[in-house]
PDB file of all heavy atoms in Angstrom:
ATOM      1  N   THR A   1       0.849  -1.196   0.000  1.00  0.00           N
ATOM      2  CA  THR A   1       0.000   0.000   0.000  1.00  0.00           C
ATOM      3  C   THR A   1       0.882   1.242   0.000  1.00  0.00           C
ATOM      4  O   THR A   1       1.716   1.423   0.892  1.00  0.00           O
ATOM      5  CB  THR A   1      -0.914   0.026   1.235  1.00  0.00           C
ATOM      6  OG1 THR A   1      -1.712  -1.158   1.274  1.00  0.00           O
ATOM      7  CG2 THR A   1      -1.811   1.251   1.211  1.00  0.00           C
ATOM      8  N   PHE A   2       0.709   2.090  -1.006  1.00  0.00           N
ATOM      9  CA  PHE A   2       1.474   3.333  -1.050  1.00  0.00           C
ATOM     10  C   PHE A   2       1.014   4.267   0.071  1.00  0.00           C
ATOM     11  O   PHE A   2      -0.162   4.285   0.450  1.00  0.00           O
ATOM     12  CB  PHE A   2       1.292   4.024  -2.400  1.00  0.00           C
ATOM     13  CG  PHE A   2       1.987   3.329  -3.536  1.00  0.00           C
ATOM     14  CD1 PHE A   2       1.265   2.625  -4.492  1.00  0.00           C
ATOM     15  CD2 PHE A   2       3.362   3.370  -3.651  1.00  0.00           C
ATOM     16  CE1 PHE A   2       1.895   1.991  -5.540  1.00  0.00           C
ATOM     17  CE2 PHE A   2       4.015   2.728  -4.701  1.00  0.00           C
ATOM     18  CZ  PHE A   2       3.271   2.037  -5.649  1.00  0.00           C
ATOM     19  N   GLN A   3       1.961   5.059   0.591  1.00  0.00           N
ATOM     20  CA  GLN A   3       1.677   5.977   1.684  1.00  0.00           C
ATOM     21  C   GLN A   3       1.686   7.417   1.190  1.00  0.00           C
ATOM     22  O   GLN A   3       2.346   7.759   0.201  1.00  0.00           O
ATOM     23  CB  GLN A   3       2.712   5.814   2.807  1.00  0.00           C
ATOM     24  CG  GLN A   3       2.686   4.454   3.479  1.00  0.00           C
ATOM     25  CD  GLN A   3       3.686   4.354   4.609  1.00  0.00           C
ATOM     26  OE1 GLN A   3       4.237   5.367   5.063  1.00  0.00           O
ATOM     27  NE2 GLN A   3       3.931   3.135   5.091  1.00  0.00           N
ATOM     28  N   ASP A   4       0.957   8.259   1.920  1.00  0.00           N
ATOM     29  CA  ASP A   4       0.882   9.675   1.586  1.00  0.00           C
ATOM     30  C   ASP A   4       2.246  10.336   1.736  1.00  0.00           C
ATOM     31  O   ASP A   4       2.994  10.066   2.686  1.00  0.00           O
ATOM     32  CB  ASP A   4      -0.146  10.354   2.495  1.00  0.00           C
ATOM     33  CG  ASP A   4      -0.411  11.793   2.092  1.00  0.00           C
ATOM     34  OD1 ASP A   4      -0.130  12.145   0.927  1.00  0.00           O
ATOM     35  OD2 ASP A   4      -0.900  12.565   2.947  1.00  0.00           O
ATOM     36  N   ASN A   5       2.576  11.194   0.774  1.00  0.00           N
ATOM     37  CA  ASN A   5       3.799  12.018   0.797  1.00  0.00           C
ATOM     38  C   ASN A   5       5.094  11.237   0.631  1.00  0.00           C
ATOM     39  O   ASN A   5       6.179  11.816   0.789  1.00  0.00           O
ATOM     40  CB  ASN A   5       3.883  12.858   2.072  1.00  0.00           C
ATOM     41  CG  ASN A   5       2.868  13.993   2.078  1.00  0.00           C
ATOM     42  OD1 ASN A   5       2.601  14.587   1.034  1.00  0.00           O
ATOM     43  ND2 ASN A   5       2.275  14.264   3.238  1.00  0.00           N
ATOM     44  N   GLU A   6       5.043   9.966   0.308  1.00  0.00           N
ATOM     45  CA  GLU A   6       6.294   9.250   0.069  1.00  0.00           C
ATOM     46  C   GLU A   6       6.752   9.464  -1.366  1.00  0.00           C
ATOM     47  O   GLU A   6       5.941   9.708  -2.268  1.00  0.00           O
ATOM     48  CB  GLU A   6       6.143   7.760   0.356  1.00  0.00           C
ATOM     49  CG  GLU A   6       5.266   6.997  -0.623  1.00  0.00           C
ATOM     50  CD  GLU A   6       5.315   5.500  -0.349  1.00  0.00           C
ATOM     51  OE1 GLU A   6       6.379   5.020   0.071  1.00  0.00           O
ATOM     52  OE2 GLU A   6       4.297   4.818  -0.571  1.00  0.00           O
ATOM     53  N   ALA A   7       8.043   9.375  -1.585  1.00  0.00           N
ATOM     54  CA  ALA A   7       8.609   9.508  -2.921  1.00  0.00           C
ATOM     55  C   ALA A   7       8.320   8.245  -3.730  1.00  0.00           C
ATOM     56  O   ALA A   7       8.426   7.133  -3.225  1.00  0.00           O
ATOM     57  CB  ALA A   7      10.109   9.759  -2.846  1.00  0.00           C
ATOM     58  N   ILE A   8       7.935   8.437  -4.977  1.00  0.00           N
ATOM     59  CA  ILE A   8       7.665   7.325  -5.885  1.00  0.00           C
ATOM     60  C   ILE A   8       8.796   7.288  -6.908  1.00  0.00           C
ATOM     61  O   ILE A   8       9.040   8.282  -7.612  1.00  0.00           O
ATOM     62  CB  ILE A   8       6.307   7.486  -6.587  1.00  0.00           C
ATOM     63  CG1 ILE A   8       5.183   7.687  -5.560  1.00  0.00           C
ATOM     64  CG2 ILE A   8       6.024   6.294  -7.476  1.00  0.00           C
ATOM     65  CD1 ILE A   8       5.002   6.535  -4.595  1.00  0.00           C
ATOM     66  N   GLN A   9       9.468   6.136  -6.970  1.00  0.00           N
ATOM     67  CA  GLN A   9      10.667   6.034  -7.798  1.00  0.00           C
ATOM     68  C   GLN A   9      10.487   5.036  -8.937  1.00  0.00           C
ATOM     69  O   GLN A   9       9.692   4.101  -8.851  1.00  0.00           O
ATOM     70  CB  GLN A   9      11.863   5.602  -6.942  1.00  0.00           C
ATOM     71  CG  GLN A   9      12.257   6.596  -5.874  1.00  0.00           C
ATOM     72  CD  GLN A   9      13.525   6.187  -5.143  1.00  0.00           C
ATOM     73  OE1 GLN A   9      13.880   5.001  -5.103  1.00  0.00           O
ATOM     74  NE2 GLN A   9      14.211   7.164  -4.570  1.00  0.00           N
ATOM     75  N   VAL A  10      11.260   5.272  -9.995  1.00  0.00           N
ATOM     76  CA  VAL A  10      11.383   4.343 -11.111  1.00  0.00           C
ATOM     77  C   VAL A  10      12.866   4.062 -11.284  1.00  0.00           C
ATOM     78  O   VAL A  10      13.654   4.990 -11.528  1.00  0.00           O
ATOM     79  CB  VAL A  10      10.794   4.915 -12.413  1.00  0.00           C
ATOM     80  CG1 VAL A  10      11.035   3.949 -13.568  1.00  0.00           C
ATOM     81  CG2 VAL A  10       9.316   5.209 -12.263  1.00  0.00           C
ATOM     82  N   GLY A  11      13.269   2.794 -11.091  1.00  0.00           N
ATOM     83  CA  GLY A  11      14.681   2.442 -11.219  1.00  0.00           C
ATOM     84  C   GLY A  11      15.567   3.129 -10.207  1.00  0.00           C
ATOM     85  O   GLY A  11      16.719   3.466 -10.524  1.00  0.00           O
ATOM     86  N   GLY A  12      15.022   3.394  -9.003  1.00  0.00           N
ATOM     87  CA  GLY A  12      15.804   4.036  -7.946  1.00  0.00           C
ATOM     88  C   GLY A  12      15.876   5.536  -8.052  1.00  0.00           C
ATOM     89  O   GLY A  12      16.531   6.186  -7.225  1.00  0.00           O
ATOM     90  N   VAL A  13      15.177   6.141  -9.011  1.00  0.00           N
ATOM     91  CA  VAL A  13      15.187   7.595  -9.201  1.00  0.00           C
ATOM     92  C   VAL A  13      13.796   8.140  -8.889  1.00  0.00           C
ATOM     93  O   VAL A  13      12.792   7.681  -9.448  1.00  0.00           O
ATOM     94  CB  VAL A  13      15.588   7.971 -10.632  1.00  0.00           C
ATOM     95  CG1 VAL A  13      15.562   9.484 -10.810  1.00  0.00           C
ATOM     96  CG2 VAL A  13      16.954   7.410 -10.970  1.00  0.00           C
ATOM     97  N   THR A  14      13.732   9.145  -8.008  1.00  0.00           N
ATOM     98  CA  THR A  14      12.453   9.736  -7.627  1.00  0.00           C
ATOM     99  C   THR A  14      11.846  10.512  -8.798  1.00  0.00           C
ATOM    100  O   THR A  14      12.516  11.315  -9.447  1.00  0.00           O
ATOM    101  CB  THR A  14      12.633  10.675  -6.430  1.00  0.00           C
ATOM    102  OG1 THR A  14      13.092   9.917  -5.297  1.00  0.00           O
ATOM    103  CG2 THR A  14      11.323  11.371  -6.071  1.00  0.00           C
ATOM    104  N   LYS A  15      10.552  10.247  -9.033  1.00  0.00           N
ATOM    105  CA  LYS A  15       9.854  10.897 -10.134  1.00  0.00           C
ATOM    106  C   LYS A  15       8.735  11.817  -9.641  1.00  0.00           C
ATOM    107  O   LYS A  15       8.575  12.929 -10.134  1.00  0.00           O
ATOM    108  CB  LYS A  15       9.264   9.846 -11.069  1.00  0.00           C
ATOM    109  CG  LYS A  15      10.295   8.914 -11.698  1.00  0.00           C
ATOM    110  CD  LYS A  15      11.196   9.639 -12.678  1.00  0.00           C
ATOM    111  CE  LYS A  15      12.126   8.663 -13.391  1.00  0.00           C
ATOM    112  NZ  LYS A  15      12.994   9.355 -14.387  1.00  0.00           N
ATOM    113  N   VAL A  16       7.934  11.325  -8.676  1.00  0.00           N
ATOM    114  CA  VAL A  16       6.796  12.090  -8.173  1.00  0.00           C
ATOM    115  C   VAL A  16       6.652  11.837  -6.685  1.00  0.00           C
ATOM    116  O   VAL A  16       7.341  10.982  -6.108  1.00  0.00           O
ATOM    117  CB  VAL A  16       5.476  11.699  -8.892  1.00  0.00           C
ATOM    118  CG1 VAL A  16       5.557  11.970 -10.385  1.00  0.00           C
ATOM    119  CG2 VAL A  16       5.124  10.237  -8.631  1.00  0.00           C
ATOM    120  N   THR A  17       5.710  12.567  -6.059  1.00  0.00           N
ATOM    121  CA  THR A  17       5.396  12.379  -4.640  1.00  0.00           C
ATOM    122  C   THR A  17       3.945  11.949  -4.501  1.00  0.00           C
ATOM    123  O   THR A  17       3.050  12.560  -5.108  1.00  0.00           O
ATOM    124  CB  THR A  17       5.624  13.679  -3.859  1.00  0.00           C
ATOM    125  OG1 THR A  17       6.996  14.088  -4.003  1.00  0.00           O
ATOM    126  CG2 THR A  17       5.305  13.482  -2.387  1.00  0.00           C
ATOM    127  N   ALA A  18       3.706  10.902  -3.721  1.00  0.00           N
ATOM    128  CA  ALA A  18       2.343  10.410  -3.531  1.00  0.00           C
ATOM    129  C   ALA A  18       1.490  11.456  -2.829  1.00  0.00           C
ATOM    130  O   ALA A  18       1.901  12.025  -1.812  1.00  0.00           O
ATOM    131  CB  ALA A  18       2.367   9.115  -2.725  1.00  0.00           C
ATOM    132  N   ASN A  19       0.300  11.697  -3.354  1.00  0.00           N
ATOM    133  CA  ASN A  19      -0.650  12.628  -2.746  1.00  0.00           C
ATOM    134  C   ASN A  19      -1.820  11.812  -2.196  1.00  0.00           C
ATOM    135  O   ASN A  19      -2.895  11.747  -2.774  1.00  0.00           O
ATOM    136  CB  ASN A  19      -1.122  13.640  -3.787  1.00  0.00           C
ATOM    137  CG  ASN A  19      -2.057  14.680  -3.198  1.00  0.00           C
ATOM    138  OD1 ASN A  19      -2.158  14.813  -1.976  1.00  0.00           O
ATOM    139  ND2 ASN A  19      -2.747  15.414  -4.056  1.00  0.00           N
ATOM    140  N   GLY A  20      -1.580  11.143  -1.067  1.00  0.00           N
ATOM    141  CA  GLY A  20      -2.557  10.244  -0.482  1.00  0.00           C
ATOM    142  C   GLY A  20      -2.166   8.799  -0.703  1.00  0.00           C
ATOM    143  O   GLY A  20      -1.184   8.495  -1.396  1.00  0.00           O
ATOM    144  N   VAL A  21      -2.949   7.887  -0.146  1.00  0.00           N
ATOM    145  CA  VAL A  21      -2.702   6.455  -0.327  1.00  0.00           C
ATOM    146  C   VAL A  21      -3.394   5.994  -1.606  1.00  0.00           C
ATOM    147  O   VAL A  21      -4.256   6.698  -2.156  1.00  0.00           O
ATOM    148  CB  VAL A  21      -3.227   5.649   0.881  1.00  0.00           C
ATOM    149  CG1 VAL A  21      -2.524   6.094   2.162  1.00  0.00           C
ATOM    150  CG2 VAL A  21      -4.733   5.815   1.038  1.00  0.00           C
ATOM    151  N   ASP A  22      -3.012   4.831  -2.102  1.00  0.00           N
ATOM    152  CA  ASP A  22      -3.679   4.304  -3.280  1.00  0.00           C
ATOM    153  C   ASP A  22      -5.094   3.845  -2.926  1.00  0.00           C
ATOM    154  O   ASP A  22      -5.357   3.396  -1.809  1.00  0.00           O
ATOM    155  CB  ASP A  22      -2.878   3.152  -3.887  1.00  0.00           C
ATOM    156  CG  ASP A  22      -2.712   1.984  -2.930  1.00  0.00           C
ATOM    157  OD1 ASP A  22      -1.725   1.987  -2.154  1.00  0.00           O
ATOM    158  OD2 ASP A  22      -3.550   1.057  -2.956  1.00  0.00           O
ATOM    159  N   THR A  23      -6.001   3.974  -3.860  1.00  0.00           N
ATOM    160  CA  THR A  23      -7.416   3.629  -3.637  1.00  0.00           C
ATOM    161  C   THR A  23      -7.920   2.759  -4.780  1.00  0.00           C
ATOM    162  O   THR A  23      -7.372   2.764  -5.890  1.00  0.00           O
ATOM    163  CB  THR A  23      -8.292   4.885  -3.532  1.00  0.00           C
ATOM    164  OG1 THR A  23      -8.139   5.658  -4.736  1.00  0.00           O
ATOM    165  CG2 THR A  23      -7.873   5.736  -2.340  1.00  0.00           C
ATOM    166  N   ALA A  24      -8.997   2.025  -4.508  1.00  0.00           N
ATOM    167  CA  ALA A  24      -9.596   1.168  -5.526  1.00  0.00           C
ATOM    168  C   ALA A  24     -10.382   2.005  -6.526  1.00  0.00           C
ATOM    169  O   ALA A  24     -11.087   2.945  -6.151  1.00  0.00           O
ATOM    170  CB  ALA A  24     -10.499   0.131  -4.876  1.00  0.00           C
ATOM    171  N   VAL A  25     -10.261   1.693  -7.796  1.00  0.00           N
ATOM    172  CA  VAL A  25     -11.096   2.303  -8.830  1.00  0.00           C
ATOM    173  C   VAL A  25     -12.473   1.656  -8.738  1.00  0.00           C
ATOM    174  O   VAL A  25     -12.601   0.429  -8.744  1.00  0.00           O
ATOM    175  CB  VAL A  25     -10.496   2.090 -10.226  1.00  0.00           C
ATOM    176  CG1 VAL A  25     -11.443   2.616 -11.298  1.00  0.00           C
ATOM    177  CG2 VAL A  25      -9.136   2.766 -10.328  1.00  0.00           C
ATOM    178  N   ALA A  26     -13.502   2.457  -8.633  1.00  0.00           N
ATOM    179  CA  ALA A  26     -14.858   1.929  -8.494  1.00  0.00           C
ATOM    180  C   ALA A  26     -15.847   2.895  -9.116  1.00  0.00           C
ATOM    181  O   ALA A  26     -15.576   4.099  -9.255  1.00  0.00           O
ATOM    182  CB  ALA A  26     -15.199   1.698  -7.022  1.00  0.00           C
ATOM    183  N   LEU A  27     -17.004   2.357  -9.506  1.00  0.00           N
ATOM    184  CA  LEU A  27     -18.087   3.163 -10.064  1.00  0.00           C
ATOM    185  C   LEU A  27     -19.284   3.109  -9.134  1.00  0.00           C
ATOM    186  O   LEU A  27     -19.712   2.024  -8.715  1.00  0.00           O
ATOM    187  CB  LEU A  27     -18.492   2.640 -11.449  1.00  0.00           C
ATOM    188  CG  LEU A  27     -17.445   2.735 -12.559  1.00  0.00           C
ATOM    189  CD1 LEU A  27     -17.967   2.096 -13.834  1.00  0.00           C
ATOM    190  CD2 LEU A  27     -17.040   4.174 -12.812  1.00  0.00           C
ATOM    191  N   ALA A  28     -19.832   4.271  -8.815  1.00  0.00           N
ATOM    192  CA  ALA A  28     -21.035   4.335  -7.992  1.00  0.00           C
ATOM    193  C   ALA A  28     -22.255   3.933  -8.823  1.00  0.00           C
ATOM    194  O   ALA A  28     -22.251   4.072 -10.050  1.00  0.00           O
ATOM    195  CB  ALA A  28     -21.216   5.739  -7.436  1.00  0.00           C
ATOM    196  N   PRO A  29     -23.317   3.426  -8.192  1.00  0.00           N
ATOM    197  CA  PRO A  29     -24.520   3.011  -8.933  1.00  0.00           C
ATOM    198  C   PRO A  29     -25.370   4.199  -9.344  1.00  0.00           C
ATOM    199  O   PRO A  29     -25.151   5.326  -8.901  1.00  0.00           O
ATOM    200  CB  PRO A  29     -25.249   2.131  -7.910  1.00  0.00           C
ATOM    201  CG  PRO A  29     -24.865   2.730  -6.584  1.00  0.00           C
ATOM    202  CD  PRO A  29     -23.436   3.188  -6.737  1.00  0.00           C
ATOM    203  N   GLY A  30     -26.358   3.917 -10.193  1.00  0.00           N
ATOM    204  CA  GLY A  30     -27.364   4.925 -10.509  1.00  0.00           C
ATOM    205  C   GLY A  30     -27.132   5.721 -11.765  1.00  0.00           C
ATOM    206  O   GLY A  30     -27.911   6.635 -12.055  1.00  0.00           O
TER     207      GLY A  30
END
């Protein structure tokens, strides 16, 4: 689970900063 404000890296190099934890993609009814 990704954490808020942690550095997100690709190949050991920081690219972006997490803005919140990861969440499930979902569609509301109706």
